[in-house]
């Protein structure tokens, strides 16, 4: 990451979507379990719009319902990667 006067710049490894796919399910399920919840009980999902590949991997790994990613992708289309200012 590089800090600049107007924010920060980062370069993301091409491996990030694969790593997310591998680990997100366990992370999310553990977080939900602390509140006695499961994925089917969640009414909506906010997926960090780091890019279409990342969003797609989250949707696939969590077996989210069709359209669960729509708003996250709309944010990405309007504002780009929300991590890279």
PDB file of N, CA and C in Angstrom:
ATOM      1  N   UNK A   1       0.836  -1.173   0.000  1.00  0.00           N
ATOM      2  CA  UNK A   1       0.000   0.000   0.000  1.00  0.00           C
ATOM      3  C   UNK A   1       0.878   1.232   0.000  1.00  0.00           C
ATOM      4  N   UNK A   2       0.472   2.227  -0.738  1.00  0.00           N
ATOM      5  CA  UNK A   2       1.174   3.506  -0.752  1.00  0.00           C
ATOM      6  C   UNK A   2       0.222   4.585  -0.259  1.00  0.00           C
ATOM      7  N   UNK A   3       0.635   5.321   0.754  1.00  0.00           N
ATOM      8  CA  UNK A   3      -0.187   6.429   1.252  1.00  0.00           C
ATOM      9  C   UNK A   3       0.108   7.660   0.408  1.00  0.00           C
ATOM     10  N   UNK A   4      -0.946   8.279  -0.089  1.00  0.00           N
ATOM     11  CA  UNK A   4      -0.822   9.484  -0.899  1.00  0.00           C
ATOM     12  C   UNK A   4      -1.628  10.597  -0.228  1.00  0.00           C
ATOM     13  N   UNK A   5      -1.508  11.805  -0.716  1.00  0.00           N
ATOM     14  CA  UNK A   5      -2.241  12.934  -0.139  1.00  0.00           C
ATOM     15  C   UNK A   5      -3.751  12.771  -0.241  1.00  0.00           C
ATOM     16  N   UNK A   6      -4.226  12.067  -1.266  1.00  0.00           N
ATOM     17  CA  UNK A   6      -5.669  11.922  -1.463  1.00  0.00           C
ATOM     18  C   UNK A   6      -6.167  10.515  -1.140  1.00  0.00           C
ATOM     19  N   UNK A   7      -5.403   9.736  -0.379  1.00  0.00           N
ATOM     20  CA  UNK A   7      -5.831   8.385  -0.011  1.00  0.00           C
ATOM     21  C   UNK A   7      -4.665   7.418  -0.113  1.00  0.00           C
ATOM     22  N   UNK A   8      -4.990   6.173  -0.340  1.00  0.00           N
ATOM     23  CA  UNK A   8      -3.925   5.193  -0.477  1.00  0.00           C
ATOM     24  C   UNK A   8      -4.138   4.358  -1.724  1.00  0.00           C
ATOM     25  N   UNK A   9      -3.047   3.862  -2.244  1.00  0.00           N
ATOM     26  CA  UNK A   9      -3.076   3.004  -3.418  1.00  0.00           C
ATOM     27  C   UNK A   9      -2.618   1.616  -3.010  1.00  0.00           C
ATOM     28  N   UNK A  10      -3.233   0.619  -3.582  1.00  0.00           N
ATOM     29  CA  UNK A  10      -2.799  -0.731  -3.277  1.00  0.00           C
ATOM     30  C   UNK A  10      -2.842  -1.571  -4.541  1.00  0.00           C
ATOM     31  N   UNK A  11      -2.035  -2.574  -4.563  1.00  0.00           N
ATOM     32  CA  UNK A  11      -2.059  -3.559  -5.637  1.00  0.00           C
ATOM     33  C   UNK A  11      -2.415  -4.886  -4.996  1.00  0.00           C
ATOM     34  N   UNK A  12      -3.407  -5.519  -5.561  1.00  0.00           N
ATOM     35  CA  UNK A  12      -3.895  -6.755  -4.980  1.00  0.00           C
ATOM     36  C   UNK A  12      -3.352  -7.944  -5.773  1.00  0.00           C
ATOM     37  N   UNK A  13      -2.939  -8.938  -5.062  1.00  0.00           N
ATOM     38  CA  UNK A  13      -2.453 -10.159  -5.689  1.00  0.00           C
ATOM     39  C   UNK A  13      -3.592 -10.828  -6.463  1.00  0.00           C
ATOM     40  N   UNK A  14      -3.274 -11.450  -7.562  1.00  0.00           N
ATOM     41  CA  UNK A  14      -4.279 -12.180  -8.340  1.00  0.00           C
ATOM     42  C   UNK A  14      -4.797 -13.393  -7.567  1.00  0.00           C
ATOM     43  N   UNK A  15      -4.119 -13.750  -6.485  1.00  0.00           N
ATOM     44  CA  UNK A  15      -4.534 -14.895  -5.664  1.00  0.00           C
ATOM     45  C   UNK A  15      -5.674 -14.555  -4.700  1.00  0.00           C
ATOM     46  N   UNK A  16      -5.952 -13.285  -4.494  1.00  0.00           N
ATOM     47  CA  UNK A  16      -6.935 -12.883  -3.485  1.00  0.00           C
ATOM     48  C   UNK A  16      -8.296 -13.550  -3.690  1.00  0.00           C
ATOM     49  N   UNK A  17      -8.886 -13.545  -4.873  1.00  0.00           N
ATOM     50  CA  UNK A  17     -10.185 -14.208  -5.020  1.00  0.00           C
ATOM     51  C   UNK A  17     -10.155 -15.688  -4.638  1.00  0.00           C
ATOM     52  N   UNK A  18      -9.072 -16.383  -4.964  1.00  0.00           N
ATOM     53  CA  UNK A  18      -8.948 -17.803  -4.620  1.00  0.00           C
ATOM     54  C   UNK A  18      -8.834 -17.991  -3.113  1.00  0.00           C
ATOM     55  N   UNK A  19      -8.066 -17.148  -2.471  1.00  0.00           N
ATOM     56  CA  UNK A  19      -7.915 -17.223  -1.017  1.00  0.00           C
ATOM     57  C   UNK A  19      -9.247 -16.928  -0.331  1.00  0.00           C
ATOM     58  N   UNK A  20      -9.962 -15.939  -0.837  1.00  0.00           N
ATOM     59  CA  UNK A  20     -11.282 -15.623  -0.279  1.00  0.00           C
ATOM     60  C   UNK A  20     -12.207 -16.826  -0.420  1.00  0.00           C
ATOM     61  N   UNK A  21     -12.232 -17.433  -1.596  1.00  0.00           N
ATOM     62  CA  UNK A  21     -13.092 -18.595  -1.812  1.00  0.00           C
ATOM     63  C   UNK A  21     -12.769 -19.704  -0.809  1.00  0.00           C
ATOM     64  N   UNK A  22     -11.493 -19.900  -0.564  1.00  0.00           N
ATOM     65  CA  UNK A  22     -11.058 -20.986   0.320  1.00  0.00           C
ATOM     66  C   UNK A  22     -11.425 -20.750   1.783  1.00  0.00           C
ATOM     67  N   UNK A  23     -11.423 -19.501   2.231  1.00  0.00           N
ATOM     68  CA  UNK A  23     -11.549 -19.214   3.657  1.00  0.00           C
ATOM     69  C   UNK A  23     -12.837 -18.520   4.097  1.00  0.00           C
ATOM     70  N   UNK A  24     -13.570 -17.907   3.199  1.00  0.00           N
ATOM     71  CA  UNK A  24     -14.704 -17.067   3.603  1.00  0.00           C
ATOM     72  C   UNK A  24     -15.816 -17.858   4.280  1.00  0.00           C
ATOM     73  N   UNK A  25     -16.072 -19.065   3.826  1.00  0.00           N
ATOM     74  CA  UNK A  25     -17.168 -19.849   4.388  1.00  0.00           C
ATOM     75  C   UNK A  25     -16.951 -20.103   5.885  1.00  0.00           C
ATOM     76  N   UNK A  26     -15.775 -20.558   6.263  1.00  0.00           N
ATOM     77  CA  UNK A  26     -15.490 -20.811   7.669  1.00  0.00           C
ATOM     78  C   UNK A  26     -15.538 -19.549   8.506  1.00  0.00           C
ATOM     79  N   UNK A  27     -15.008 -18.463   7.946  1.00  0.00           N
ATOM     80  CA  UNK A  27     -15.006 -17.193   8.662  1.00  0.00           C
ATOM     81  C   UNK A  27     -16.431 -16.702   8.912  1.00  0.00           C
ATOM     82  N   UNK A  28     -17.251 -16.698   7.864  1.00  0.00           N
ATOM     83  CA  UNK A  28     -18.627 -16.211   7.987  1.00  0.00           C
ATOM     84  C   UNK A  28     -19.441 -17.112   8.900  1.00  0.00           C
ATOM     85  N   UNK A  29     -19.319 -18.411   8.723  1.00  0.00           N
ATOM     86  CA  UNK A  29     -20.091 -19.329   9.567  1.00  0.00           C
ATOM     87  C   UNK A  29     -19.717 -19.179  11.042  1.00  0.00           C
ATOM     88  N   UNK A  30     -18.442 -19.006  11.332  1.00  0.00           N
ATOM     89  CA  UNK A  30     -18.012 -18.819  12.721  1.00  0.00           C
ATOM     90  C   UNK A  30     -18.550 -17.505  13.289  1.00  0.00           C
ATOM     91  N   UNK A  31     -18.497 -16.449  12.490  1.00  0.00           N
ATOM     92  CA  UNK A  31     -19.013 -15.155  12.952  1.00  0.00           C
ATOM     93  C   UNK A  31     -20.512 -15.228  13.213  1.00  0.00           C
ATOM     94  N   UNK A  32     -21.245 -15.869  12.305  1.00  0.00           N
ATOM     95  CA  UNK A  32     -22.689 -16.006  12.499  1.00  0.00           C
ATOM     96  C   UNK A  32     -23.010 -16.872  13.711  1.00  0.00           C
ATOM     97  N   UNK A  33     -22.220 -17.915  13.931  1.00  0.00           N
ATOM     98  CA  UNK A  33     -22.468 -18.828  15.059  1.00  0.00           C
ATOM     99  C   UNK A  33     -22.385 -18.107  16.399  1.00  0.00           C
ATOM    100  N   UNK A  34     -21.562 -17.065  16.481  1.00  0.00           N
ATOM    101  CA  UNK A  34     -21.469 -16.323  17.742  1.00  0.00           C
ATOM    102  C   UNK A  34     -22.787 -15.622  18.075  1.00  0.00           C
ATOM    103  N   UNK A  35     -23.662 -15.513  17.074  1.00  0.00           N
ATOM    104  CA  UNK A  35     -24.983 -14.903  17.269  1.00  0.00           C
ATOM    105  C   UNK A  35     -26.100 -15.926  17.063  1.00  0.00           C
ATOM    106  N   UNK A  36     -25.723 -17.204  17.091  1.00  0.00           N
ATOM    107  CA  UNK A  36     -26.672 -18.309  16.902  1.00  0.00           C
ATOM    108  C   UNK A  36     -27.435 -18.183  15.582  1.00  0.00           C
ATOM    109  N   UNK A  37     -26.712 -17.790  14.528  1.00  0.00           N
ATOM    110  CA  UNK A  37     -27.308 -17.651  13.193  1.00  0.00           C
ATOM    111  C   UNK A  37     -26.599 -18.564  12.196  1.00  0.00           C
ATOM    112  N   UNK A  38     -27.296 -18.841  11.099  1.00  0.00           N
ATOM    113  CA  UNK A  38     -26.712 -19.559   9.971  1.00  0.00           C
ATOM    114  C   UNK A  38     -26.934 -18.726   8.719  1.00  0.00           C
ATOM    115  N   UNK A  39     -26.206 -19.034   7.670  1.00  0.00           N
ATOM    116  CA  UNK A  39     -26.323 -18.266   6.424  1.00  0.00           C
ATOM    117  C   UNK A  39     -27.749 -18.177   5.894  1.00  0.00           C
ATOM    118  N   UNK A  40     -28.541 -19.257   5.893  1.00  0.00           N
ATOM    119  CA  UNK A  40     -29.905 -19.125   5.370  1.00  0.00           C
ATOM    120  C   UNK A  40     -30.784 -18.143   6.158  1.00  0.00           C
ATOM    121  N   UNK A  41     -30.392 -17.846   7.384  1.00  0.00           N
ATOM    122  CA  UNK A  41     -31.171 -16.912   8.199  1.00  0.00           C
ATOM    123  C   UNK A  41     -30.847 -15.447   7.916  1.00  0.00           C
ATOM    124  N   UNK A  42     -29.803 -15.190   7.158  1.00  0.00           N
ATOM    125  CA  UNK A  42     -29.399 -13.820   6.851  1.00  0.00           C
ATOM    126  C   UNK A  42     -30.290 -13.285   5.730  1.00  0.00           C
ATOM    127  N   UNK A  43     -30.873 -12.122   5.959  1.00  0.00           N
ATOM    128  CA  UNK A  43     -31.817 -11.560   4.992  1.00  0.00           C
ATOM    129  C   UNK A  43     -31.192 -10.776   3.865  1.00  0.00           C
ATOM    130  N   UNK A  44     -29.956 -10.343   4.019  1.00  0.00           N
ATOM    131  CA  UNK A  44     -29.287  -9.579   2.973  1.00  0.00           C
ATOM    132  C   UNK A  44     -27.794  -9.580   3.210  1.00  0.00           C
ATOM    133  N   UNK A  45     -27.045  -9.380   2.160  1.00  0.00           N
ATOM    134  CA  UNK A  45     -25.590  -9.465   2.230  1.00  0.00           C
ATOM    135  C   UNK A  45     -24.950  -8.201   1.685  1.00  0.00           C
ATOM    136  N   UNK A  46     -23.999  -7.664   2.431  1.00  0.00           N
ATOM    137  CA  UNK A  46     -23.167  -6.553   1.958  1.00  0.00           C
ATOM    138  C   UNK A  46     -21.778  -7.142   1.720  1.00  0.00           C
ATOM    139  N   UNK A  47     -21.418  -7.245   0.462  1.00  0.00           N
ATOM    140  CA  UNK A  47     -20.130  -7.832   0.090  1.00  0.00           C
ATOM    141  C   UNK A  47     -19.194  -6.694  -0.290  1.00  0.00           C
ATOM    142  N   UNK A  48     -18.041  -6.633   0.344  1.00  0.00           N
ATOM    143  CA  UNK A  48     -17.093  -5.559   0.038  1.00  0.00           C
ATOM    144  C   UNK A  48     -16.792  -5.551  -1.454  1.00  0.00           C
ATOM    145  N   UNK A  49     -17.061  -4.438  -2.129  1.00  0.00           N
ATOM    146  CA  UNK A  49     -16.878  -4.397  -3.580  1.00  0.00           C
ATOM    147  C   UNK A  49     -15.431  -4.162  -3.999  1.00  0.00           C
ATOM    148  N   UNK A  50     -14.588  -5.135  -3.729  1.00  0.00           N
ATOM    149  CA  UNK A  50     -13.188  -5.046  -4.123  1.00  0.00           C
ATOM    150  C   UNK A  50     -12.981  -5.379  -5.594  1.00  0.00           C
ATOM    151  N   UNK A  51     -14.023  -5.832  -6.236  1.00  0.00           N
ATOM    152  CA  UNK A  51     -13.967  -6.165  -7.655  1.00  0.00           C
ATOM    153  C   UNK A  51     -14.911  -7.306  -7.964  1.00  0.00           C
ATOM    154  N   UNK A  52     -15.305  -7.430  -9.215  1.00  0.00           N
ATOM    155  CA  UNK A  52     -16.260  -8.476  -9.606  1.00  0.00           C
ATOM    156  C   UNK A  52     -15.785  -9.889  -9.281  1.00  0.00           C
ATOM    157  N   UNK A  53     -14.502 -10.162  -9.408  1.00  0.00           N
ATOM    158  CA  UNK A  53     -14.006 -11.519  -9.119  1.00  0.00           C
ATOM    159  C   UNK A  53     -14.137 -11.838  -7.633  1.00  0.00           C
ATOM    160  N   UNK A  54     -13.846 -10.863  -6.795  1.00  0.00           N
ATOM    161  CA  UNK A  54     -13.974 -11.074  -5.355  1.00  0.00           C
ATOM    162  C   UNK A  54     -15.429 -11.300  -4.986  1.00  0.00           C
ATOM    163  N   UNK A  55     -16.313 -10.467  -5.495  1.00  0.00           N
ATOM    164  CA  UNK A  55     -17.741 -10.614  -5.203  1.00  0.00           C
ATOM    165  C   UNK A  55     -18.230 -11.979  -5.683  1.00  0.00           C
ATOM    166  N   UNK A  56     -17.837 -12.386  -6.879  1.00  0.00           N
ATOM    167  CA  UNK A  56     -18.263 -13.681  -7.425  1.00  0.00           C
ATOM    168  C   UNK A  56     -17.783 -14.838  -6.555  1.00  0.00           C
ATOM    169  N   UNK A  57     -16.563 -14.743  -6.035  1.00  0.00           N
ATOM    170  CA  UNK A  57     -16.040 -15.818  -5.195  1.00  0.00           C
ATOM    171  C   UNK A  57     -16.777 -15.892  -3.860  1.00  0.00           C
ATOM    172  N   UNK A  58     -17.139 -14.748  -3.298  1.00  0.00           N
ATOM    173  CA  UNK A  58     -17.913 -14.745  -2.053  1.00  0.00           C
ATOM    174  C   UNK A  58     -19.271 -15.393  -2.288  1.00  0.00           C
ATOM    175  N   UNK A  59     -19.937 -15.001  -3.356  1.00  0.00           N
ATOM    176  CA  UNK A  59     -21.254 -15.563  -3.683  1.00  0.00           C
ATOM    177  C   UNK A  59     -21.156 -17.076  -3.872  1.00  0.00           C
ATOM    178  N   UNK A  60     -20.155 -17.518  -4.623  1.00  0.00           N
ATOM    179  CA  UNK A  60     -20.000 -18.952  -4.892  1.00  0.00           C
ATOM    180  C   UNK A  60     -19.668 -19.731  -3.622  1.00  0.00           C
ATOM    181  N   UNK A  61     -18.734 -19.224  -2.833  1.00  0.00           N
ATOM    182  CA  UNK A  61     -18.300 -19.949  -1.636  1.00  0.00           C
ATOM    183  C   UNK A  61     -19.404 -20.052  -0.593  1.00  0.00           C
ATOM    184  N   UNK A  62     -20.213 -19.005  -0.486  1.00  0.00           N
ATOM    185  CA  UNK A  62     -21.273 -18.995   0.525  1.00  0.00           C
ATOM    186  C   UNK A  62     -22.598 -19.534  -0.004  1.00  0.00           C
ATOM    187  N   UNK A  63     -22.627 -19.880  -1.282  1.00  0.00           N
ATOM    188  CA  UNK A  63     -23.856 -20.389  -1.907  1.00  0.00           C
ATOM    189  C   UNK A  63     -25.012 -19.414  -1.683  1.00  0.00           C
ATOM    190  N   UNK A  64     -24.730 -18.135  -1.958  1.00  0.00           N
ATOM    191  CA  UNK A  64     -25.745 -17.108  -1.744  1.00  0.00           C
ATOM    192  C   UNK A  64     -26.820 -17.191  -2.817  1.00  0.00           C
ATOM    193  N   UNK A  65     -28.021 -16.724  -2.501  1.00  0.00           N
ATOM    194  CA  UNK A  65     -29.103 -16.779  -3.482  1.00  0.00           C
ATOM    195  C   UNK A  65     -28.834 -15.848  -4.666  1.00  0.00           C
ATOM    196  N   UNK A  66     -29.455 -16.169  -5.771  1.00  0.00           N
ATOM    197  CA  UNK A  66     -29.305 -15.357  -6.981  1.00  0.00           C
ATOM    198  C   UNK A  66     -29.639 -13.900  -6.666  1.00  0.00           C
ATOM    199  N   UNK A  67     -28.800 -13.005  -7.130  1.00  0.00           N
ATOM    200  CA  UNK A  67     -29.039 -11.574  -6.949  1.00  0.00           C
ATOM    201  C   UNK A  67     -28.500 -11.009  -5.644  1.00  0.00           C
ATOM    202  N   UNK A  68     -27.962 -11.846  -4.766  1.00  0.00           N
ATOM    203  CA  UNK A  68     -27.458 -11.361  -3.469  1.00  0.00           C
ATOM    204  C   UNK A  68     -26.330 -10.348  -3.640  1.00  0.00           C
ATOM    205  N   UNK A  69     -25.641 -10.417  -4.767  1.00  0.00           N
ATOM    206  CA  UNK A  69     -24.496  -9.549  -5.004  1.00  0.00           C
ATOM    207  C   UNK A  69     -24.844  -8.262  -5.747  1.00  0.00           C
ATOM    208  N   UNK A  70     -26.085  -8.113  -6.159  1.00  0.00           N
ATOM    209  CA  UNK A  70     -26.477  -6.999  -7.036  1.00  0.00           C
ATOM    210  C   UNK A  70     -26.054  -5.626  -6.499  1.00  0.00           C
ATOM    211  N   UNK A  71     -26.396  -5.323  -5.261  1.00  0.00           N
ATOM    212  CA  UNK A  71     -26.068  -3.997  -4.730  1.00  0.00           C
ATOM    213  C   UNK A  71     -24.569  -3.794  -4.563  1.00  0.00           C
ATOM    214  N   UNK A  72     -23.854  -4.831  -4.193  1.00  0.00           N
ATOM    215  CA  UNK A  72     -22.401  -4.710  -4.069  1.00  0.00           C
ATOM    216  C   UNK A  72     -21.760  -4.415  -5.416  1.00  0.00           C
ATOM    217  N   UNK A  73     -22.239  -5.069  -6.464  1.00  0.00           N
ATOM    218  CA  UNK A  73     -21.695  -4.800  -7.799  1.00  0.00           C
ATOM    219  C   UNK A  73     -22.090  -3.416  -8.295  1.00  0.00           C
ATOM    220  N   UNK A  74     -23.270  -2.943  -7.911  1.00  0.00           N
ATOM    221  CA  UNK A  74     -23.673  -1.576  -8.280  1.00  0.00           C
ATOM    222  C   UNK A  74     -22.739  -0.550  -7.634  1.00  0.00           C
ATOM    223  N   UNK A  75     -22.369  -0.781  -6.380  1.00  0.00           N
ATOM    224  CA  UNK A  75     -21.418   0.114  -5.710  1.00  0.00           C
ATOM    225  C   UNK A  75     -20.088   0.087  -6.455  1.00  0.00           C
ATOM    226  N   UNK A  76     -19.630  -1.107  -6.822  1.00  0.00           N
ATOM    227  CA  UNK A  76     -18.374  -1.212  -7.567  1.00  0.00           C
ATOM    228  C   UNK A  76     -18.461  -0.469  -8.902  1.00  0.00           C
ATOM    229  N   UNK A  77     -19.560  -0.626  -9.610  1.00  0.00           N
ATOM    230  CA  UNK A  77     -19.712   0.044 -10.909  1.00  0.00           C
ATOM    231  C   UNK A  77     -19.712   1.568 -10.768  1.00  0.00           C
ATOM    232  N   UNK A  78     -20.309   2.071  -9.711  1.00  0.00           N
ATOM    233  CA  UNK A  78     -20.393   3.524  -9.497  1.00  0.00           C
ATOM    234  C   UNK A  78     -19.104   4.122  -8.936  1.00  0.00           C
ATOM    235  N   UNK A  79     -18.436   3.381  -8.034  1.00  0.00           N
ATOM    236  CA  UNK A  79     -17.345   3.975  -7.269  1.00  0.00           C
ATOM    237  C   UNK A  79     -16.014   3.244  -7.404  1.00  0.00           C
ATOM    238  N   UNK A  80     -15.980   2.097  -8.066  1.00  0.00           N
ATOM    239  CA  UNK A  80     -14.745   1.335  -8.197  1.00  0.00           C
ATOM    240  C   UNK A  80     -14.424   0.563  -6.927  1.00  0.00           C
ATOM    241  N   UNK A  81     -13.201   0.075  -6.844  1.00  0.00           N
ATOM    242  CA  UNK A  81     -12.753  -0.687  -5.689  1.00  0.00           C
ATOM    243  C   UNK A  81     -12.724   0.232  -4.482  1.00  0.00           C
ATOM    244  N   UNK A  82     -13.532  -0.085  -3.493  1.00  0.00           N
ATOM    245  CA  UNK A  82     -13.658   0.793  -2.333  1.00  0.00           C
ATOM    246  C   UNK A  82     -12.454   0.728  -1.401  1.00  0.00           C
ATOM    247  N   UNK A  83     -11.466  -0.086  -1.719  1.00  0.00           N
ATOM    248  CA  UNK A  83     -10.236  -0.124  -0.920  1.00  0.00           C
ATOM    249  C   UNK A  83      -9.162   0.775  -1.491  1.00  0.00           C
ATOM    250  N   UNK A  84      -9.289   1.161  -2.746  1.00  0.00           N
ATOM    251  CA  UNK A  84      -8.148   1.845  -3.375  1.00  0.00           C
ATOM    252  C   UNK A  84      -8.394   3.315  -3.676  1.00  0.00           C
ATOM    253  N   UNK A  85      -9.353   3.909  -2.988  1.00  0.00           N
ATOM    254  CA  UNK A  85      -9.568   5.350  -3.064  1.00  0.00           C
ATOM    255  C   UNK A  85      -9.668   5.828  -4.436  1.00  0.00           C
TER     256      UNK A  85
END
